[in-house]
Amino acid sequence: FVDGYVLDKPFDDACIEGTIADVPYMIGFTQNDP
């Protein structure tokens, strides 16, 4: 839940606003994933 303590905004909003962790990322999926 967006509780203002553990999470102050949804991840997507935080991403767009530039407030997610400023670290290198690897990201991927499997061929049969949606």
PDB file of all heavy atoms in Angstrom:
ATOM      1  N   PHE A   1       0.832  -1.189   0.000  1.00  0.00           N
ATOM      2  CA  PHE A   1       0.000   0.000   0.000  1.00  0.00           C
ATOM      3  C   PHE A   1       0.877   1.254   0.000  1.00  0.00           C
ATOM      4  O   PHE A   1       1.971   1.255   0.570  1.00  0.00           O
ATOM      5  CB  PHE A   1      -0.910   0.013   1.230  1.00  0.00           C
ATOM      6  CG  PHE A   1      -1.536  -1.319   1.536  1.00  0.00           C
ATOM      7  CD1 PHE A   1      -1.370  -1.917   2.777  1.00  0.00           C
ATOM      8  CD2 PHE A   1      -2.289  -1.978   0.579  1.00  0.00           C
ATOM      9  CE1 PHE A   1      -1.939  -3.152   3.065  1.00  0.00           C
ATOM     10  CE2 PHE A   1      -2.863  -3.211   0.851  1.00  0.00           C
ATOM     11  CZ  PHE A   1      -2.682  -3.797   2.095  1.00  0.00           C
ATOM     12  N   VAL A   2       0.407   2.314  -0.628  1.00  0.00           N
ATOM     13  CA  VAL A   2       1.107   3.590  -0.585  1.00  0.00           C
ATOM     14  C   VAL A   2       0.736   4.247   0.744  1.00  0.00           C
ATOM     15  O   VAL A   2      -0.349   4.818   0.891  1.00  0.00           O
ATOM     16  CB  VAL A   2       0.720   4.477  -1.780  1.00  0.00           C
ATOM     17  CG1 VAL A   2       1.433   5.827  -1.696  1.00  0.00           C
ATOM     18  CG2 VAL A   2       1.065   3.770  -3.088  1.00  0.00           C
ATOM     19  N   ASP A   3       1.626   4.114   1.710  1.00  0.00           N
ATOM     20  CA  ASP A   3       1.315   4.484   3.086  1.00  0.00           C
ATOM     21  C   ASP A   3       1.992   5.764   3.560  1.00  0.00           C
ATOM     22  O   ASP A   3       1.745   6.224   4.671  1.00  0.00           O
ATOM     23  CB  ASP A   3       1.697   3.339   4.033  1.00  0.00           C
ATOM     24  CG  ASP A   3       3.190   3.005   3.966  1.00  0.00           C
ATOM     25  OD1 ASP A   3       3.911   3.599   3.142  1.00  0.00           O
ATOM     26  OD2 ASP A   3       3.642   2.129   4.740  1.00  0.00           O
ATOM     27  N   GLY A   4       2.869   6.343   2.732  1.00  0.00           N
ATOM     28  CA  GLY A   4       3.564   7.543   3.145  1.00  0.00           C
ATOM     29  C   GLY A   4       4.729   7.281   4.078  1.00  0.00           C
ATOM     30  O   GLY A   4       5.391   8.225   4.533  1.00  0.00           O
ATOM     31  N   TYR A   5       5.000   6.028   4.347  1.00  0.00           N
ATOM     32  CA  TYR A   5       6.102   5.664   5.244  1.00  0.00           C
ATOM     33  C   TYR A   5       7.039   4.678   4.558  1.00  0.00           C
ATOM     34  O   TYR A   5       8.157   5.023   4.200  1.00  0.00           O
ATOM     35  CB  TYR A   5       5.551   5.077   6.546  1.00  0.00           C
ATOM     36  CG  TYR A   5       6.603   4.499   7.465  1.00  0.00           C
ATOM     37  CD1 TYR A   5       7.666   5.273   7.911  1.00  0.00           C
ATOM     38  CD2 TYR A   5       6.527   3.173   7.907  1.00  0.00           C
ATOM     39  CE1 TYR A   5       8.639   4.745   8.754  1.00  0.00           C
ATOM     40  CE2 TYR A   5       7.481   2.629   8.754  1.00  0.00           C
ATOM     41  CZ  TYR A   5       8.538   3.423   9.174  1.00  0.00           C
ATOM     42  OH  TYR A   5       9.497   2.898  10.005  1.00  0.00           O
ATOM     43  N   VAL A   6       6.579   3.456   4.324  1.00  0.00           N
ATOM     44  CA  VAL A   6       7.371   2.490   3.560  1.00  0.00           C
ATOM     45  C   VAL A   6       7.420   2.911   2.094  1.00  0.00           C
ATOM     46  O   VAL A   6       8.475   2.859   1.445  1.00  0.00           O
ATOM     47  CB  VAL A   6       6.778   1.078   3.692  1.00  0.00           C
ATOM     48  CG1 VAL A   6       7.542   0.088   2.820  1.00  0.00           C
ATOM     49  CG2 VAL A   6       6.810   0.624   5.151  1.00  0.00           C
ATOM     50  N   LEU A   7       6.278   3.335   1.566  1.00  0.00           N
ATOM     51  CA  LEU A   7       6.178   3.810   0.189  1.00  0.00           C
ATOM     52  C   LEU A   7       5.428   5.132   0.179  1.00  0.00           C
ATOM     53  O   LEU A   7       4.287   5.194   0.647  1.00  0.00           O
ATOM     54  CB  LEU A   7       5.440   2.792  -0.690  1.00  0.00           C
ATOM     55  CG  LEU A   7       6.129   1.450  -0.937  1.00  0.00           C
ATOM     56  CD1 LEU A   7       5.190   0.524  -1.698  1.00  0.00           C
ATOM     57  CD2 LEU A   7       7.425   1.629  -1.692  1.00  0.00           C
ATOM     58  N   ASP A   8       6.064   6.161  -0.349  1.00  0.00           N
ATOM     59  CA  ASP A   8       5.368   7.452  -0.406  1.00  0.00           C
ATOM     60  C   ASP A   8       4.721   7.706  -1.754  1.00  0.00           C
ATOM     61  O   ASP A   8       3.979   8.680  -1.918  1.00  0.00           O
ATOM     62  CB  ASP A   8       6.298   8.605  -0.023  1.00  0.00           C
ATOM     63  CG  ASP A   8       7.591   8.614  -0.807  1.00  0.00           C
ATOM     64  OD1 ASP A   8       7.684   7.889  -1.827  1.00  0.00           O
ATOM     65  OD2 ASP A   8       8.521   9.337  -0.413  1.00  0.00           O
ATOM     66  N   LYS A   9       4.978   6.836  -2.725  1.00  0.00           N
ATOM     67  CA  LYS A   9       4.329   6.943  -4.033  1.00  0.00           C
ATOM     68  C   LYS A   9       4.468   5.615  -4.763  1.00  0.00           C
ATOM     69  O   LYS A   9       5.359   4.810  -4.437  1.00  0.00           O
ATOM     70  CB  LYS A   9       4.928   8.085  -4.863  1.00  0.00           C
ATOM     71  CG  LYS A   9       6.435   7.962  -5.100  1.00  0.00           C
ATOM     72  CD  LYS A   9       6.960   9.093  -5.978  1.00  0.00           C
ATOM     73  CE  LYS A   9       6.943  10.429  -5.297  1.00  0.00           C
ATOM     74  NZ  LYS A   9       7.970  10.573  -4.221  1.00  0.00           N
ATOM     75  N   PRO A  10       3.629   5.331  -5.752  1.00  0.00           N
ATOM     76  CA  PRO A  10       3.792   4.106  -6.546  1.00  0.00           C
ATOM     77  C   PRO A  10       5.151   4.081  -7.244  1.00  0.00           C
ATOM     78  O   PRO A  10       5.726   5.126  -7.553  1.00  0.00           O
ATOM     79  CB  PRO A  10       2.649   4.182  -7.557  1.00  0.00           C
ATOM     80  CG  PRO A  10       1.638   5.085  -6.934  1.00  0.00           C
ATOM     81  CD  PRO A  10       2.437   6.096  -6.161  1.00  0.00           C
ATOM     82  N   PHE A  11       5.645   2.868  -7.521  1.00  0.00           N
ATOM     83  CA  PHE A  11       6.954   2.723  -8.152  1.00  0.00           C
ATOM     84  C   PHE A  11       7.033   3.499  -9.458  1.00  0.00           C
ATOM     85  O   PHE A  11       8.031   4.181  -9.727  1.00  0.00           O
ATOM     86  CB  PHE A  11       7.258   1.249  -8.414  1.00  0.00           C
ATOM     87  CG  PHE A  11       8.464   1.045  -9.287  1.00  0.00           C
ATOM     88  CD1 PHE A  11       9.742   1.107  -8.760  1.00  0.00           C
ATOM     89  CD2 PHE A  11       8.324   0.819 -10.656  1.00  0.00           C
ATOM     90  CE1 PHE A  11      10.870   0.953  -9.566  1.00  0.00           C
ATOM     91  CE2 PHE A  11       9.432   0.654 -11.473  1.00  0.00           C
ATOM     92  CZ  PHE A  11      10.703   0.720 -10.932  1.00  0.00           C
ATOM     93  N   ASP A  12       6.003   3.393 -10.304  1.00  0.00           N
ATOM     94  CA  ASP A  12       6.071   4.042 -11.610  1.00  0.00           C
ATOM     95  C   ASP A  12       6.209   5.559 -11.473  1.00  0.00           C
ATOM     96  O   ASP A  12       6.967   6.190 -12.209  1.00  0.00           O
ATOM     97  CB  ASP A  12       4.830   3.690 -12.434  1.00  0.00           C
ATOM     98  CG  ASP A  12       4.738   2.196 -12.727  1.00  0.00           C
ATOM     99  OD1 ASP A  12       5.788   1.599 -13.020  1.00  0.00           O
ATOM    100  OD2 ASP A  12       3.646   1.637 -12.647  1.00  0.00           O
ATOM    101  N   ASP A  13       5.499   6.132 -10.519  1.00  0.00           N
ATOM    102  CA  ASP A  13       5.624   7.576 -10.283  1.00  0.00           C
ATOM    103  C   ASP A  13       7.026   7.917  -9.798  1.00  0.00           C
ATOM    104  O   ASP A  13       7.629   8.913 -10.225  1.00  0.00           O
ATOM    105  CB  ASP A  13       4.593   8.042  -9.254  1.00  0.00           C
ATOM    106  CG  ASP A  13       3.160   7.926  -9.756  1.00  0.00           C
ATOM    107  OD1 ASP A  13       2.977   7.688 -10.972  1.00  0.00           O
ATOM    108  OD2 ASP A  13       2.236   8.061  -8.939  1.00  0.00           O
ATOM    109  N   ALA A  14       7.551   7.097  -8.883  1.00  0.00           N
ATOM    110  CA  ALA A  14       8.891   7.344  -8.361  1.00  0.00           C
ATOM    111  C   ALA A  14       9.934   7.238  -9.469  1.00  0.00           C
ATOM    112  O   ALA A  14      10.893   8.018  -9.517  1.00  0.00           O
ATOM    113  CB  ALA A  14       9.204   6.355  -7.244  1.00  0.00           C
ATOM    114  N   CYS A  15       9.718   6.292 -10.366  1.00  0.00           N
ATOM    115  CA  CYS A  15      10.643   6.108 -11.494  1.00  0.00           C
ATOM    116  C   CYS A  15      10.645   7.350 -12.384  1.00  0.00           C
ATOM    117  O   CYS A  15      11.702   7.912 -12.701  1.00  0.00           O
ATOM    118  CB  CYS A  15      10.224   4.871 -12.272  1.00  0.00           C
ATOM    119  SG  CYS A  15      11.439   4.263 -13.448  1.00  0.00           S
ATOM    120  N   ILE A  16       9.464   7.796 -12.770  1.00  0.00           N
ATOM    121  CA  ILE A  16       9.341   8.956 -13.656  1.00  0.00           C
ATOM    122  C   ILE A  16       9.879  10.214 -12.980  1.00  0.00           C
ATOM    123  O   ILE A  16      10.532  11.048 -13.609  1.00  0.00           O
ATOM    124  CB  ILE A  16       7.873   9.136 -14.081  1.00  0.00           C
ATOM    125  CG1 ILE A  16       7.451   7.973 -14.998  1.00  0.00           C
ATOM    126  CG2 ILE A  16       7.663  10.471 -14.796  1.00  0.00           C
ATOM    127  CD1 ILE A  16       5.967   7.899 -15.272  1.00  0.00           C
ATOM    128  N   GLU A  17       9.658  10.331 -11.677  1.00  0.00           N
ATOM    129  CA  GLU A  17      10.126  11.508 -10.948  1.00  0.00           C
ATOM    130  C   GLU A  17      11.607  11.443 -10.603  1.00  0.00           C
ATOM    131  O   GLU A  17      12.184  12.423 -10.116  1.00  0.00           O
ATOM    132  CB  GLU A  17       9.312  11.675  -9.664  1.00  0.00           C
ATOM    133  CG  GLU A  17       7.846  12.018  -9.914  1.00  0.00           C
ATOM    134  CD  GLU A  17       7.018  12.007  -8.645  1.00  0.00           C
ATOM    135  OE1 GLU A  17       7.622  12.112  -7.542  1.00  0.00           O
ATOM    136  OE2 GLU A  17       5.779  11.903  -8.742  1.00  0.00           O
ATOM    137  N   GLY A  18      12.229  10.289 -10.832  1.00  0.00           N
ATOM    138  CA  GLY A  18      13.667  10.164 -10.599  1.00  0.00           C
ATOM    139  C   GLY A  18      14.049   9.939  -9.158  1.00  0.00           C
ATOM    140  O   GLY A  18      15.178  10.268  -8.760  1.00  0.00           O
ATOM    141  N   THR A  19      13.134   9.347  -8.360  1.00  0.00           N
ATOM    142  CA  THR A  19      13.444   9.158  -6.948  1.00  0.00           C
ATOM    143  C   THR A  19      13.738   7.708  -6.581  1.00  0.00           C
ATOM    144  O   THR A  19      13.929   7.406  -5.395  1.00  0.00           O
ATOM    145  CB  THR A  19      12.276   9.671  -6.076  1.00  0.00           C
ATOM    146  OG1 THR A  19      11.074   8.979  -6.414  1.00  0.00           O
ATOM    147  CG2 THR A  19      12.085  11.165  -6.261  1.00  0.00           C
ATOM    148  N   ILE A  20      13.774   6.788  -7.556  1.00  0.00           N
ATOM    149  CA  ILE A  20      14.162   5.416  -7.226  1.00  0.00           C
ATOM    150  C   ILE A  20      15.673   5.357  -7.035  1.00  0.00           C
ATOM    151  O   ILE A  20      16.404   6.286  -7.376  1.00  0.00           O
ATOM    152  CB  ILE A  20      13.699   4.401  -8.294  1.00  0.00           C
ATOM    153  CG1 ILE A  20      14.446   4.603  -9.622  1.00  0.00           C
ATOM    154  CG2 ILE A  20      12.204   4.459  -8.501  1.00  0.00           C
ATOM    155  CD1 ILE A  20      14.225   3.455 -10.602  1.00  0.00           C
ATOM    156  N   ALA A  21      16.143   4.256  -6.481  1.00  0.00           N
ATOM    157  CA  ALA A  21      17.564   4.106  -6.175  1.00  0.00           C
ATOM    158  C   ALA A  21      18.422   4.363  -7.411  1.00  0.00           C
ATOM    159  O   ALA A  21      18.169   3.794  -8.482  1.00  0.00           O
ATOM    160  CB  ALA A  21      17.824   2.711  -5.628  1.00  0.00           C
ATOM    161  N   ASP A  22      19.411   5.194  -7.256  1.00  0.00           N
ATOM    162  CA  ASP A  22      20.313   5.550  -8.347  1.00  0.00           C
ATOM    163  C   ASP A  22      21.450   4.541  -8.397  1.00  0.00           C
ATOM    164  O   ASP A  22      22.585   4.813  -7.995  1.00  0.00           O
ATOM    165  CB  ASP A  22      20.840   6.972  -8.124  1.00  0.00           C
ATOM    166  CG  ASP A  22      21.653   7.486  -9.313  1.00  0.00           C
ATOM    167  OD1 ASP A  22      21.508   6.928 -10.419  1.00  0.00           O
ATOM    168  OD2 ASP A  22      22.450   8.422  -9.117  1.00  0.00           O
ATOM    169  N   VAL A  23      21.138   3.330  -8.892  1.00  0.00           N
ATOM    170  CA  VAL A  23      22.092   2.226  -8.944  1.00  0.00           C
ATOM    171  C   VAL A  23      22.015   1.578 -10.320  1.00  0.00           C
ATOM    172  O   VAL A  23      21.037   1.763 -11.043  1.00  0.00           O
ATOM    173  CB  VAL A  23      21.781   1.170  -7.852  1.00  0.00           C
ATOM    174  CG1 VAL A  23      21.843   1.788  -6.458  1.00  0.00           C
ATOM    175  CG2 VAL A  23      20.421   0.504  -8.079  1.00  0.00           C
ATOM    176  N   PRO A  24      23.021   0.793 -10.712  1.00  0.00           N
ATOM    177  CA  PRO A  24      22.915   0.038 -11.966  1.00  0.00           C
ATOM    178  C   PRO A  24      21.835  -1.040 -11.854  1.00  0.00           C
ATOM    179  O   PRO A  24      21.627  -1.615 -10.781  1.00  0.00           O
ATOM    180  CB  PRO A  24      24.301  -0.602 -12.120  1.00  0.00           C
ATOM    181  CG  PRO A  24      25.193   0.119 -11.174  1.00  0.00           C
ATOM    182  CD  PRO A  24      24.332   0.606 -10.064  1.00  0.00           C
ATOM    183  N   TYR A  25      21.172  -1.322 -12.978  1.00  0.00           N
ATOM    184  CA  TYR A  25      20.093  -2.312 -13.004  1.00  0.00           C
ATOM    185  C   TYR A  25      20.335  -3.338 -14.102  1.00  0.00           C
ATOM    186  O   TYR A  25      20.861  -3.013 -15.180  1.00  0.00           O
ATOM    187  CB  TYR A  25      18.743  -1.645 -13.268  1.00  0.00           C
ATOM    188  CG  TYR A  25      18.225  -0.797 -12.139  1.00  0.00           C
ATOM    189  CD1 TYR A  25      18.591   0.543 -12.021  1.00  0.00           C
ATOM    190  CD2 TYR A  25      17.363  -1.327 -11.179  1.00  0.00           C
ATOM    191  CE1 TYR A  25      18.116   1.331 -10.979  1.00  0.00           C
ATOM    192  CE2 TYR A  25      16.873  -0.548 -10.135  1.00  0.00           C
ATOM    193  CZ  TYR A  25      17.258   0.779 -10.044  1.00  0.00           C
ATOM    194  OH  TYR A  25      16.785   1.551  -9.017  1.00  0.00           O
ATOM    195  N   MET A  26      19.923  -4.574 -13.827  1.00  0.00           N
ATOM    196  CA  MET A  26      19.677  -5.572 -14.865  1.00  0.00           C
ATOM    197  C   MET A  26      18.190  -5.867 -14.816  1.00  0.00           C
ATOM    198  O   MET A  26      17.608  -5.964 -13.738  1.00  0.00           O
ATOM    199  CB  MET A  26      20.462  -6.866 -14.605  1.00  0.00           C
ATOM    200  CG  MET A  26      21.840  -6.936 -15.239  1.00  0.00           C
ATOM    201  SD  MET A  26      22.723  -8.456 -14.762  1.00  0.00           S
ATOM    202  CE  MET A  26      21.571  -9.726 -15.272  1.00  0.00           C
ATOM    203  N   ILE A  27      17.580  -6.030 -15.981  1.00  0.00           N
ATOM    204  CA  ILE A  27      16.140  -6.255 -16.018  1.00  0.00           C
ATOM    205  C   ILE A  27      15.801  -7.135 -17.215  1.00  0.00           C
ATOM    206  O   ILE A  27      16.358  -6.964 -18.304  1.00  0.00           O
ATOM    207  CB  ILE A  27      15.375  -4.911 -16.072  1.00  0.00           C
ATOM    208  CG1 ILE A  27      13.868  -5.130 -15.989  1.00  0.00           C
ATOM    209  CG2 ILE A  27      15.770  -4.078 -17.282  1.00  0.00           C
ATOM    210  CD1 ILE A  27      13.080  -3.843 -15.740  1.00  0.00           C
ATOM    211  N   GLY A  28      14.913  -8.108 -17.014  1.00  0.00           N
ATOM    212  CA  GLY A  28      14.589  -8.988 -18.125  1.00  0.00           C
ATOM    213  C   GLY A  28      13.360  -9.833 -17.867  1.00  0.00           C
ATOM    214  O   GLY A  28      12.649  -9.662 -16.873  1.00  0.00           O
ATOM    215  N   PHE A  29      13.124 -10.784 -18.781  1.00  0.00           N
ATOM    216  CA  PHE A  29      11.924 -11.613 -18.731  1.00  0.00           C
ATOM    217  C   PHE A  29      12.175 -12.898 -19.487  1.00  0.00           C
ATOM    218  O   PHE A  29      13.231 -13.069 -20.125  1.00  0.00           O
ATOM    219  CB  PHE A  29      10.731 -10.854 -19.308  1.00  0.00           C
ATOM    220  CG  PHE A  29      10.803 -10.560 -20.797  1.00  0.00           C
ATOM    221  CD1 PHE A  29       9.793 -10.981 -21.647  1.00  0.00           C
ATOM    222  CD2 PHE A  29      11.873  -9.849 -21.354  1.00  0.00           C
ATOM    223  CE1 PHE A  29       9.839 -10.715 -23.012  1.00  0.00           C
ATOM    224  CE2 PHE A  29      11.929  -9.575 -22.713  1.00  0.00           C
ATOM    225  CZ  PHE A  29      10.906 -10.015 -23.546  1.00  0.00           C
ATOM    226  N   THR A  30      11.225 -13.823 -19.419  1.00  0.00           N
ATOM    227  CA  THR A  30      11.338 -15.072 -20.162  1.00  0.00           C
ATOM    228  C   THR A  30      10.499 -14.981 -21.433  1.00  0.00           C
ATOM    229  O   THR A  30       9.571 -14.176 -21.534  1.00  0.00           O
ATOM    230  CB  THR A  30      10.865 -16.273 -19.322  1.00  0.00           C
ATOM    231  OG1 THR A  30       9.454 -16.183 -19.136  1.00  0.00           O
ATOM    232  CG2 THR A  30      11.559 -16.325 -17.977  1.00  0.00           C
ATOM    233  N   GLN A  31      10.803 -15.843 -22.363  1.00  0.00           N
ATOM    234  CA  GLN A  31      10.153 -15.810 -23.668  1.00  0.00           C
ATOM    235  C   GLN A  31       8.636 -15.975 -23.568  1.00  0.00           C
ATOM    236  O   GLN A  31       7.889 -15.381 -24.343  1.00  0.00           O
ATOM    237  CB  GLN A  31      10.741 -16.912 -24.548  1.00  0.00           C
ATOM    238  CG  GLN A  31      10.379 -16.824 -26.009  1.00  0.00           C
ATOM    239  CD  GLN A  31      11.152 -17.850 -26.823  1.00  0.00           C
ATOM    240  OE1 GLN A  31      11.154 -19.038 -26.501  1.00  0.00           O
ATOM    241  NE2 GLN A  31      11.833 -17.400 -27.858  1.00  0.00           N
ATOM    242  N   ASN A  32       8.166 -16.763 -22.605  1.00  0.00           N
ATOM    243  CA  ASN A  32       6.734 -17.003 -22.463  1.00  0.00           C
ATOM    244  C   ASN A  32       6.055 -16.057 -21.479  1.00  0.00           C
ATOM    245  O   ASN A  32       4.865 -16.209 -21.200  1.00  0.00           O
ATOM    246  CB  ASN A  32       6.471 -18.453 -22.011  1.00  0.00           C
ATOM    247  CG  ASN A  32       6.791 -19.464 -23.094  1.00  0.00           C
ATOM    248  OD1 ASN A  32       7.458 -19.155 -24.065  1.00  0.00           O
ATOM    249  ND2 ASN A  32       6.336 -20.683 -22.911  1.00  0.00           N
ATOM    250  N   ASP A  33       6.775 -15.101 -20.925  1.00  0.00           N
ATOM    251  CA  ASP A  33       6.150 -14.102 -20.071  1.00  0.00           C
ATOM    252  C   ASP A  33       5.167 -13.277 -20.895  1.00  0.00           C
ATOM    253  O   ASP A  33       5.261 -13.226 -22.131  1.00  0.00           O
ATOM    254  CB  ASP A  33       7.214 -13.176 -19.468  1.00  0.00           C
ATOM    255  CG  ASP A  33       7.777 -13.692 -18.153  1.00  0.00           C
ATOM    256  OD1 ASP A  33       7.056 -14.398 -17.437  1.00  0.00           O
ATOM    257  OD2 ASP A  33       8.942 -13.370 -17.836  1.00  0.00           O
ATOM    258  N   PRO A  34       4.218 -12.593 -20.251  1.00  0.00           N
ATOM    259  CA  PRO A  34       3.262 -11.761 -21.009  1.00  0.00           C
ATOM    260  C   PRO A  34       3.971 -10.748 -21.901  1.00  0.00           C
ATOM    261  O   PRO A  34       4.992 -10.167 -21.503  1.00  0.00           O
ATOM    262  CB  PRO A  34       2.473 -11.058 -19.899  1.00  0.00           C
ATOM    263  CG  PRO A  34       2.560 -11.972 -18.736  1.00  0.00           C
ATOM    264  CD  PRO A  34       3.939 -12.591 -18.806  1.00  0.00           C
TER     265      PRO A  34
END
